[in-house]
Amino acid sequence: ITSFGKFKGVRDSGLAYKHFWQKATEIPVMTKTESD
């Protein structure tokens, strides 16, 4: 959750609330793999 470009908090999976002017950016946090 960001407000005018500033970080304000995190919402975990499921339904949650934020102020209507704030922006929510979803990112994956499950385990990922890199190989080489």
PDB file of all heavy atoms in Angstrom:
ATOM      1  N   ILE A   1       0.850  -1.195   0.000  1.00  0.00           N
ATOM      2  CA  ILE A   1       0.000   0.000   0.000  1.00  0.00           C
ATOM      3  C   ILE A   1       0.881   1.240   0.000  1.00  0.00           C
ATOM      4  O   ILE A   1       1.760   1.396   0.853  1.00  0.00           O
ATOM      5  CB  ILE A   1      -0.929   0.016   1.233  1.00  0.00           C
ATOM      6  CG1 ILE A   1      -1.699  -1.306   1.346  1.00  0.00           C
ATOM      7  CG2 ILE A   1      -1.893   1.187   1.153  1.00  0.00           C
ATOM      8  CD1 ILE A   1      -2.528  -1.661   0.147  1.00  0.00           C
ATOM      9  N   THR A   2       0.648   2.117  -0.975  1.00  0.00           N
ATOM     10  CA  THR A   2       1.400   3.368  -1.061  1.00  0.00           C
ATOM     11  C   THR A   2       0.439   4.547  -1.144  1.00  0.00           C
ATOM     12  O   THR A   2      -0.686   4.421  -1.618  1.00  0.00           O
ATOM     13  CB  THR A   2       2.319   3.381  -2.296  1.00  0.00           C
ATOM     14  OG1 THR A   2       1.526   3.142  -3.478  1.00  0.00           O
ATOM     15  CG2 THR A   2       3.379   2.307  -2.191  1.00  0.00           C
ATOM     16  N   SER A   3       0.904   5.666  -0.645  1.00  0.00           N
ATOM     17  CA  SER A   3       0.134   6.903  -0.709  1.00  0.00           C
ATOM     18  C   SER A   3       1.007   7.983  -1.310  1.00  0.00           C
ATOM     19  O   SER A   3       2.005   8.392  -0.704  1.00  0.00           O
ATOM     20  CB  SER A   3      -0.337   7.314   0.702  1.00  0.00           C
ATOM     21  OG  SER A   3      -1.088   8.506   0.658  1.00  0.00           O
ATOM     22  N   PHE A   4       0.674   8.404  -2.527  1.00  0.00           N
ATOM     23  CA  PHE A   4       1.461   9.406  -3.254  1.00  0.00           C
ATOM     24  C   PHE A   4       2.932   8.999  -3.346  1.00  0.00           C
ATOM     25  O   PHE A   4       3.839   9.807  -3.139  1.00  0.00           O
ATOM     26  CB  PHE A   4       1.308  10.778  -2.603  1.00  0.00           C
ATOM     27  CG  PHE A   4      -0.115  11.222  -2.462  1.00  0.00           C
ATOM     28  CD1 PHE A   4      -0.730  11.217  -1.218  1.00  0.00           C
ATOM     29  CD2 PHE A   4      -0.859  11.603  -3.568  1.00  0.00           C
ATOM     30  CE1 PHE A   4      -2.057  11.609  -1.088  1.00  0.00           C
ATOM     31  CE2 PHE A   4      -2.184  11.992  -3.441  1.00  0.00           C
ATOM     32  CZ  PHE A   4      -2.792  11.998  -2.200  1.00  0.00           C
ATOM     33  N   GLY A   5       3.145   7.694  -3.625  1.00  0.00           N
ATOM     34  CA  GLY A   5       4.493   7.187  -3.841  1.00  0.00           C
ATOM     35  C   GLY A   5       5.231   6.755  -2.591  1.00  0.00           C
ATOM     36  O   GLY A   5       6.341   6.225  -2.685  1.00  0.00           O
ATOM     37  N   LYS A   6       4.631   6.943  -1.405  1.00  0.00           N
ATOM     38  CA  LYS A   6       5.288   6.567  -0.158  1.00  0.00           C
ATOM     39  C   LYS A   6       4.665   5.290   0.405  1.00  0.00           C
ATOM     40  O   LYS A   6       3.448   5.145   0.429  1.00  0.00           O
ATOM     41  CB  LYS A   6       5.182   7.702   0.864  1.00  0.00           C
ATOM     42  CG  LYS A   6       5.953   8.952   0.472  1.00  0.00           C
ATOM     43  CD  LYS A   6       5.903  10.002   1.568  1.00  0.00           C
ATOM     44  CE  LYS A   6       6.724  11.237   1.192  1.00  0.00           C
ATOM     45  NZ  LYS A   6       6.681  12.263   2.258  1.00  0.00           N
ATOM     46  N   PHE A   7       5.540   4.383   0.875  1.00  0.00           N
ATOM     47  CA  PHE A   7       5.081   3.108   1.412  1.00  0.00           C
ATOM     48  C   PHE A   7       4.303   3.314   2.704  1.00  0.00           C
ATOM     49  O   PHE A   7       4.733   4.031   3.604  1.00  0.00           O
ATOM     50  CB  PHE A   7       6.275   2.195   1.663  1.00  0.00           C
ATOM     51  CG  PHE A   7       5.919   0.897   2.334  1.00  0.00           C
ATOM     52  CD1 PHE A   7       5.275  -0.103   1.627  1.00  0.00           C
ATOM     53  CD2 PHE A   7       6.226   0.683   3.668  1.00  0.00           C
ATOM     54  CE1 PHE A   7       4.941  -1.298   2.235  1.00  0.00           C
ATOM     55  CE2 PHE A   7       5.900  -0.504   4.280  1.00  0.00           C
ATOM     56  CZ  PHE A   7       5.253  -1.501   3.567  1.00  0.00           C
ATOM     57  N   LYS A   8       3.140   2.656   2.810  1.00  0.00           N
ATOM     58  CA  LYS A   8       2.291   2.810   3.997  1.00  0.00           C
ATOM     59  C   LYS A   8       2.004   1.497   4.711  1.00  0.00           C
ATOM     60  O   LYS A   8       1.624   1.509   5.879  1.00  0.00           O
ATOM     61  CB  LYS A   8       0.965   3.474   3.603  1.00  0.00           C
ATOM     62  CG  LYS A   8       1.107   4.923   3.156  1.00  0.00           C
ATOM     63  CD  LYS A   8       1.652   5.784   4.277  1.00  0.00           C
ATOM     64  CE  LYS A   8       1.779   7.242   3.863  1.00  0.00           C
ATOM     65  NZ  LYS A   8       2.337   8.089   4.952  1.00  0.00           N
ATOM     66  N   GLY A   9       2.139   0.379   4.025  1.00  0.00           N
ATOM     67  CA  GLY A   9       1.863  -0.883   4.699  1.00  0.00           C
ATOM     68  C   GLY A   9       1.728  -2.040   3.740  1.00  0.00           C
ATOM     69  O   GLY A   9       1.855  -1.893   2.524  1.00  0.00           O
ATOM     70  N   VAL A  10       1.457  -3.208   4.320  1.00  0.00           N
ATOM     71  CA  VAL A  10       1.329  -4.444   3.555  1.00  0.00           C
ATOM     72  C   VAL A  10       0.012  -5.111   3.903  1.00  0.00           C
ATOM     73  O   VAL A  10      -0.403  -5.121   5.063  1.00  0.00           O
ATOM     74  CB  VAL A  10       2.496  -5.408   3.871  1.00  0.00           C
ATOM     75  CG1 VAL A  10       2.299  -6.743   3.161  1.00  0.00           C
ATOM     76  CG2 VAL A  10       3.823  -4.795   3.455  1.00  0.00           C
ATOM     77  N   ARG A  11      -0.653  -5.664   2.903  1.00  0.00           N
ATOM     78  CA  ARG A  11      -1.856  -6.456   3.129  1.00  0.00           C
ATOM     79  C   ARG A  11      -1.582  -7.887   2.660  1.00  0.00           C
ATOM     80  O   ARG A  11      -1.125  -8.101   1.536  1.00  0.00           O
ATOM     81  CB  ARG A  11      -3.055  -5.877   2.360  1.00  0.00           C
ATOM     82  CG  ARG A  11      -3.359  -4.412   2.686  1.00  0.00           C
ATOM     83  CD  ARG A  11      -3.868  -4.226   4.100  1.00  0.00           C
ATOM     84  NE  ARG A  11      -4.290  -2.831   4.317  1.00  0.00           N
ATOM     85  CZ  ARG A  11      -3.479  -1.884   4.780  1.00  0.00           C
ATOM     86  NH1 ARG A  11      -2.202  -2.190   5.063  1.00  0.00           N
ATOM     87  NH2 ARG A  11      -3.928  -0.655   4.963  1.00  0.00           N
ATOM     88  N   ASP A  12      -1.854  -8.833   3.537  1.00  0.00           N
ATOM     89  CA  ASP A  12      -1.647 -10.235   3.180  1.00  0.00           C
ATOM     90  C   ASP A  12      -2.790 -10.736   2.315  1.00  0.00           C
ATOM     91  O   ASP A  12      -3.757 -10.019   2.045  1.00  0.00           O
ATOM     92  CB  ASP A  12      -1.506 -11.079   4.447  1.00  0.00           C
ATOM     93  CG  ASP A  12      -0.233 -10.763   5.218  1.00  0.00           C
ATOM     94  OD1 ASP A  12       0.800 -10.520   4.560  1.00  0.00           O
ATOM     95  OD2 ASP A  12      -0.268 -10.767   6.464  1.00  0.00           O
ATOM     96  N   SER A  13      -2.690 -12.006   1.888  1.00  0.00           N
ATOM     97  CA  SER A  13      -3.704 -12.559   0.993  1.00  0.00           C
ATOM     98  C   SER A  13      -5.086 -12.524   1.643  1.00  0.00           C
ATOM     99  O   SER A  13      -5.235 -12.697   2.849  1.00  0.00           O
ATOM    100  CB  SER A  13      -3.343 -13.997   0.610  1.00  0.00           C
ATOM    101  OG  SER A  13      -3.250 -14.816   1.765  1.00  0.00           O
ATOM    102  N   GLY A  14      -6.098 -12.292   0.812  1.00  0.00           N
ATOM    103  CA  GLY A  14      -7.474 -12.168   1.303  1.00  0.00           C
ATOM    104  C   GLY A  14      -8.011 -10.765   1.072  1.00  0.00           C
ATOM    105  O   GLY A  14      -7.443  -9.972   0.326  1.00  0.00           O
ATOM    106  N   LEU A  15      -9.128 -10.464   1.724  1.00  0.00           N
ATOM    107  CA  LEU A  15      -9.777  -9.155   1.580  1.00  0.00           C
ATOM    108  C   LEU A  15      -9.321  -8.224   2.692  1.00  0.00           C
ATOM    109  O   LEU A  15      -9.300  -8.601   3.863  1.00  0.00           O
ATOM    110  CB  LEU A  15     -11.296  -9.328   1.627  1.00  0.00           C
ATOM    111  CG  LEU A  15     -12.146  -8.107   1.240  1.00  0.00           C
ATOM    112  CD1 LEU A  15     -11.879  -7.712  -0.211  1.00  0.00           C
ATOM    113  CD2 LEU A  15     -13.625  -8.416   1.454  1.00  0.00           C
ATOM    114  N   ALA A  16      -8.948  -7.012   2.330  1.00  0.00           N
ATOM    115  CA  ALA A  16      -8.464  -6.037   3.315  1.00  0.00           C
ATOM    116  C   ALA A  16      -8.925  -4.640   2.912  1.00  0.00           C
ATOM    117  O   ALA A  16      -9.548  -4.436   1.861  1.00  0.00           O
ATOM    118  CB  ALA A  16      -6.946  -6.093   3.418  1.00  0.00           C
ATOM    119  N   TYR A  17      -8.618  -3.660   3.761  1.00  0.00           N
ATOM    120  CA  TYR A  17      -9.087  -2.279   3.571  1.00  0.00           C
ATOM    121  C   TYR A  17      -7.895  -1.342   3.418  1.00  0.00           C
ATOM    122  O   TYR A  17      -6.831  -1.549   3.981  1.00  0.00           O
ATOM    123  CB  TYR A  17      -9.937  -1.857   4.764  1.00  0.00           C
ATOM    124  CG  TYR A  17     -10.323  -0.397   4.761  1.00  0.00           C
ATOM    125  CD1 TYR A  17     -11.417   0.044   4.023  1.00  0.00           C
ATOM    126  CD2 TYR A  17      -9.578   0.539   5.480  1.00  0.00           C
ATOM    127  CE1 TYR A  17     -11.766   1.392   4.010  1.00  0.00           C
ATOM    128  CE2 TYR A  17      -9.922   1.888   5.468  1.00  0.00           C
ATOM    129  CZ  TYR A  17     -11.012   2.307   4.730  1.00  0.00           C
ATOM    130  OH  TYR A  17     -11.355   3.642   4.718  1.00  0.00           O
ATOM    131  N   LYS A  18      -8.099  -0.289   2.616  1.00  0.00           N
ATOM    132  CA  LYS A  18      -7.148   0.820   2.504  1.00  0.00           C
ATOM    133  C   LYS A  18      -7.949   2.093   2.276  1.00  0.00           C
ATOM    134  O   LYS A  18      -9.151   2.054   2.007  1.00  0.00           O
ATOM    135  CB  LYS A  18      -6.178   0.589   1.336  1.00  0.00           C
ATOM    136  CG  LYS A  18      -6.855   0.629  -0.029  1.00  0.00           C
ATOM    137  CD  LYS A  18      -5.841   0.518  -1.155  1.00  0.00           C
ATOM    138  CE  LYS A  18      -6.522   0.587  -2.526  1.00  0.00           C
ATOM    139  NZ  LYS A  18      -7.172   1.865  -2.794  1.00  0.00           N
ATOM    140  N   HIS A  19      -7.305   3.238   2.395  1.00  0.00           N
ATOM    141  CA  HIS A  19      -7.969   4.487   2.036  1.00  0.00           C
ATOM    142  C   HIS A  19      -8.144   4.546   0.521  1.00  0.00           C
ATOM    143  O   HIS A  19      -7.293   4.059  -0.234  1.00  0.00           O
ATOM    144  CB  HIS A  19      -7.157   5.685   2.514  1.00  0.00           C
ATOM    145  CG  HIS A  19      -7.055   5.765   4.011  1.00  0.00           C
ATOM    146  ND1 HIS A  19      -8.161   5.863   4.825  1.00  0.00           N
ATOM    147  CD2 HIS A  19      -5.980   5.744   4.837  1.00  0.00           C
ATOM    148  CE1 HIS A  19      -7.784   5.917   6.086  1.00  0.00           C
ATOM    149  NE2 HIS A  19      -6.456   5.843   6.124  1.00  0.00           N
ATOM    150  N   PHE A  20      -9.243   5.134   0.083  1.00  0.00           N
ATOM    151  CA  PHE A  20      -9.573   5.080  -1.343  1.00  0.00           C
ATOM    152  C   PHE A  20      -8.540   5.771  -2.225  1.00  0.00           C
ATOM    153  O   PHE A  20      -8.415   5.466  -3.405  1.00  0.00           O
ATOM    154  CB  PHE A  20     -10.979   5.662  -1.600  1.00  0.00           C
ATOM    155  CG  PHE A  20     -11.080   7.146  -1.411  1.00  0.00           C
ATOM    156  CD1 PHE A  20     -10.782   8.028  -2.438  1.00  0.00           C
ATOM    157  CD2 PHE A  20     -11.485   7.685  -0.190  1.00  0.00           C
ATOM    158  CE1 PHE A  20     -10.878   9.395  -2.270  1.00  0.00           C
ATOM    159  CE2 PHE A  20     -11.586   9.050  -0.015  1.00  0.00           C
ATOM    160  CZ  PHE A  20     -11.284   9.921  -1.047  1.00  0.00           C
ATOM    161  N   TRP A  21      -7.779   6.702  -1.655  1.00  0.00           N
ATOM    162  CA  TRP A  21      -6.788   7.403  -2.481  1.00  0.00           C
ATOM    163  C   TRP A  21      -5.444   6.643  -2.535  1.00  0.00           C
ATOM    164  O   TRP A  21      -4.552   7.019  -3.285  1.00  0.00           O
ATOM    165  CB  TRP A  21      -6.541   8.816  -1.941  1.00  0.00           C
ATOM    166  CG  TRP A  21      -5.941   8.860  -0.559  1.00  0.00           C
ATOM    167  CD1 TRP A  21      -4.622   8.744  -0.218  1.00  0.00           C
ATOM    168  CD2 TRP A  21      -6.659   9.006   0.665  1.00  0.00           C
ATOM    169  NE1 TRP A  21      -4.454   8.819   1.120  1.00  0.00           N
ATOM    170  CE2 TRP A  21      -5.696   8.993   1.708  1.00  0.00           C
ATOM    171  CE3 TRP A  21      -8.003   9.179   0.990  1.00  0.00           C
ATOM    172  CZ2 TRP A  21      -6.049   9.118   3.046  1.00  0.00           C
ATOM    173  CZ3 TRP A  21      -8.350   9.311   2.326  1.00  0.00           C
ATOM    174  CH2 TRP A  21      -7.391   9.270   3.340  1.00  0.00           C
ATOM    175  N   GLN A  22      -5.329   5.616  -1.758  1.00  0.00           N
ATOM    176  CA  GLN A  22      -4.082   4.858  -1.743  1.00  0.00           C
ATOM    177  C   GLN A  22      -4.048   3.828  -2.876  1.00  0.00           C
ATOM    178  O   GLN A  22      -5.082   3.392  -3.371  1.00  0.00           O
ATOM    179  CB  GLN A  22      -3.905   4.157  -0.393  1.00  0.00           C
ATOM    180  CG  GLN A  22      -3.691   5.128   0.754  1.00  0.00           C
ATOM    181  CD  GLN A  22      -3.569   4.418   2.088  1.00  0.00           C
ATOM    182  OE1 GLN A  22      -4.213   3.395   2.316  1.00  0.00           O
ATOM    183  NE2 GLN A  22      -2.747   4.971   2.969  1.00  0.00           N
ATOM    184  N   LYS A  23      -2.846   3.422  -3.245  1.00  0.00           N
ATOM    185  CA  LYS A  23      -2.652   2.466  -4.333  1.00  0.00           C
ATOM    186  C   LYS A  23      -2.173   1.126  -3.773  1.00  0.00           C
ATOM    187  O   LYS A  23      -1.345   1.091  -2.859  1.00  0.00           O
ATOM    188  CB  LYS A  23      -1.620   3.006  -5.329  1.00  0.00           C
ATOM    189  CG  LYS A  23      -1.342   2.075  -6.503  1.00  0.00           C
ATOM    190  CD  LYS A  23      -0.282   2.674  -7.416  1.00  0.00           C
ATOM    191  CE  LYS A  23       0.041   1.721  -8.567  1.00  0.00           C
ATOM    192  NZ  LYS A  23       1.095   2.267  -9.458  1.00  0.00           N
ATOM    193  N   ALA A  24      -2.685   0.038  -4.330  1.00  0.00           N
ATOM    194  CA  ALA A  24      -2.262  -1.305  -3.923  1.00  0.00           C
ATOM    195  C   ALA A  24      -1.522  -1.974  -5.078  1.00  0.00           C
ATOM    196  O   ALA A  24      -2.035  -2.039  -6.195  1.00  0.00           O
ATOM    197  CB  ALA A  24      -3.465  -2.148  -3.514  1.00  0.00           C
ATOM    198  N   THR A  25      -0.309  -2.473  -4.800  1.00  0.00           N
ATOM    199  CA  THR A  25       0.497  -3.177  -5.803  1.00  0.00           C
ATOM    200  C   THR A  25       0.724  -4.595  -5.325  1.00  0.00           C
ATOM    201  O   THR A  25       1.347  -4.816  -4.283  1.00  0.00           O
ATOM    202  CB  THR A  25       1.852  -2.480  -6.015  1.00  0.00           C
ATOM    203  OG1 THR A  25       1.630  -1.118  -6.410  1.00  0.00           O
ATOM    204  CG2 THR A  25       2.657  -3.190  -7.095  1.00  0.00           C
ATOM    205  N   GLU A  26       0.237  -5.573  -6.079  1.00  0.00           N
ATOM    206  CA  GLU A  26       0.344  -6.974  -5.666  1.00  0.00           C
ATOM    207  C   GLU A  26       1.628  -7.591  -6.189  1.00  0.00           C
ATOM    208  O   GLU A  26       1.976  -7.427  -7.357  1.00  0.00           O
ATOM    209  CB  GLU A  26      -0.857  -7.756  -6.184  1.00  0.00           C
ATOM    210  CG  GLU A  26      -0.945  -9.183  -5.659  1.00  0.00           C
ATOM    211  CD  GLU A  26      -2.221  -9.888  -6.096  1.00  0.00           C
ATOM    212  OE1 GLU A  26      -2.208 -10.516  -7.176  1.00  0.00           O
ATOM    213  OE2 GLU A  26      -3.216  -9.801  -5.372  1.00  0.00           O
ATOM    214  N   ILE A  27       2.346  -8.292  -5.303  1.00  0.00           N
ATOM    215  CA  ILE A  27       3.570  -8.973  -5.714  1.00  0.00           C
ATOM    216  C   ILE A  27       3.549 -10.407  -5.168  1.00  0.00           C
ATOM    217  O   ILE A  27       2.984 -10.673  -4.107  1.00  0.00           O
ATOM    218  CB  ILE A  27       4.845  -8.251  -5.221  1.00  0.00           C
ATOM    219  CG1 ILE A  27       4.905  -8.251  -3.687  1.00  0.00           C
ATOM    220  CG2 ILE A  27       4.924  -6.849  -5.755  1.00  0.00           C
ATOM    221  CD1 ILE A  27       6.226  -7.773  -3.160  1.00  0.00           C
ATOM    222  N   PRO A  28       4.156 -11.355  -5.884  1.00  0.00           N
ATOM    223  CA  PRO A  28       4.187 -12.752  -5.416  1.00  0.00           C
ATOM    224  C   PRO A  28       5.217 -12.932  -4.307  1.00  0.00           C
ATOM    225  O   PRO A  28       6.327 -12.405  -4.389  1.00  0.00           O
ATOM    226  CB  PRO A  28       4.576 -13.527  -6.670  1.00  0.00           C
ATOM    227  CG  PRO A  28       5.352 -12.542  -7.483  1.00  0.00           C
ATOM    228  CD  PRO A  28       4.745 -11.193  -7.214  1.00  0.00           C
ATOM    229  N   VAL A  29       4.857 -13.665  -3.260  1.00  0.00           N
ATOM    230  CA  VAL A  29       5.794 -13.925  -2.168  1.00  0.00           C
ATOM    231  C   VAL A  29       6.003 -15.430  -1.958  1.00  0.00           C
ATOM    232  O   VAL A  29       6.673 -15.842  -1.021  1.00  0.00           O
ATOM    233  CB  VAL A  29       5.315 -13.276  -0.848  1.00  0.00           C
ATOM    234  CG1 VAL A  29       5.360 -11.761  -0.948  1.00  0.00           C
ATOM    235  CG2 VAL A  29       3.919 -13.748  -0.477  1.00  0.00           C
ATOM    236  N   MET A  30       5.425 -16.248  -2.830  1.00  0.00           N
ATOM    237  CA  MET A  30       5.648 -17.688  -2.714  1.00  0.00           C
ATOM    238  C   MET A  30       7.084 -18.029  -3.097  1.00  0.00           C
ATOM    239  O   MET A  30       7.786 -17.218  -3.699  1.00  0.00           O
ATOM    240  CB  MET A  30       4.653 -18.470  -3.588  1.00  0.00           C
ATOM    241  CG  MET A  30       4.927 -18.400  -5.080  1.00  0.00           C
ATOM    242  SD  MET A  30       4.388 -16.877  -5.856  1.00  0.00           S
ATOM    243  CE  MET A  30       2.633 -17.176  -5.953  1.00  0.00           C
ATOM    244  N   THR A  31       7.518 -19.222  -2.736  1.00  0.00           N
ATOM    245  CA  THR A  31       8.891 -19.635  -3.020  1.00  0.00           C
ATOM    246  C   THR A  31       9.139 -19.710  -4.526  1.00  0.00           C
ATOM    247  O   THR A  31       8.347 -20.266  -5.266  1.00  0.00           O
ATOM    248  CB  THR A  31       9.186 -21.013  -2.382  1.00  0.00           C
ATOM    249  OG1 THR A  31       9.022 -20.911  -0.968  1.00  0.00           O
ATOM    250  CG2 THR A  31      10.608 -21.457  -2.680  1.00  0.00           C
ATOM    251  N   LYS A  32      10.256 -19.112  -4.934  1.00  0.00           N
ATOM    252  CA  LYS A  32      10.647 -19.107  -6.347  1.00  0.00           C
ATOM    253  C   LYS A  32      12.004 -19.798  -6.488  1.00  0.00           C
ATOM    254  O   LYS A  32      12.709 -19.987  -5.501  1.00  0.00           O
ATOM    255  CB  LYS A  32      10.718 -17.662  -6.860  1.00  0.00           C
ATOM    256  CG  LYS A  32       9.353 -16.988  -6.947  1.00  0.00           C
ATOM    257  CD  LYS A  32       9.470 -15.515  -7.262  1.00  0.00           C
ATOM    258  CE  LYS A  32       9.785 -14.704  -6.015  1.00  0.00           C
ATOM    259  NZ  LYS A  32       8.682 -14.716  -5.035  1.00  0.00           N
ATOM    260  N   THR A  33      12.346 -20.143  -7.719  1.00  0.00           N
ATOM    261  CA  THR A  33      13.581 -20.886  -7.967  1.00  0.00           C
ATOM    262  C   THR A  33      14.405 -20.213  -9.052  1.00  0.00           C
ATOM    263  O   THR A  33      13.867 -19.793 -10.078  1.00  0.00           O
ATOM    264  CB  THR A  33      13.272 -22.342  -8.379  1.00  0.00           C
ATOM    265  OG1 THR A  33      12.530 -22.977  -7.340  1.00  0.00           O
ATOM    266  CG2 THR A  33      14.558 -23.124  -8.604  1.00  0.00           C
ATOM    267  N   GLU A  34      15.698 -20.133  -8.799  1.00  0.00           N
ATOM    268  CA  GLU A  34      16.663 -19.661  -9.801  1.00  0.00           C
ATOM    269  C   GLU A  34      17.684 -20.780 -10.001  1.00  0.00           C
ATOM    270  O   GLU A  34      18.147 -21.379  -9.032  1.00  0.00           O
ATOM    271  CB  GLU A  34      17.380 -18.396  -9.315  1.00  0.00           C
ATOM    272  CG  GLU A  34      16.478 -17.290  -8.817  1.00  0.00           C
ATOM    273  CD  GLU A  34      15.650 -16.657  -9.906  1.00  0.00           C
ATOM    274  OE1 GLU A  34      16.019 -16.804 -11.091  1.00  0.00           O
ATOM    275  OE2 GLU A  34      14.645 -16.010  -9.578  1.00  0.00           O
ATOM    276  N   SER A  35      18.027 -21.070 -11.230  1.00  0.00           N
ATOM    277  CA  SER A  35      19.007 -22.130 -11.473  1.00  0.00           C
ATOM    278  C   SER A  35      19.931 -21.748 -12.620  1.00  0.00           C
ATOM    279  O   SER A  35      19.547 -21.027 -13.538  1.00  0.00           O
ATOM    280  CB  SER A  35      18.305 -23.460 -11.783  1.00  0.00           C
ATOM    281  OG  SER A  35      17.478 -23.344 -12.925  1.00  0.00           O
ATOM    282  N   ASP A  36      21.165 -22.258 -12.531  1.00  0.00           N
ATOM    283  CA  ASP A  36      22.145 -21.973 -13.577  1.00  0.00           C
ATOM    284  C   ASP A  36      23.296 -22.970 -13.441  1.00  0.00           C
ATOM    285  O   ASP A  36      23.464 -23.606 -12.399  1.00  0.00           O
ATOM    286  CB  ASP A  36      22.668 -20.541 -13.429  1.00  0.00           C
ATOM    287  CG  ASP A  36      23.307 -20.034 -14.708  1.00  0.00           C
ATOM    288  OD1 ASP A  36      23.370 -20.805 -15.690  1.00  0.00           O
ATOM    289  OD2 ASP A  36      23.756 -18.876 -14.725  1.00  0.00           O
TER     290      ASP A  36
END
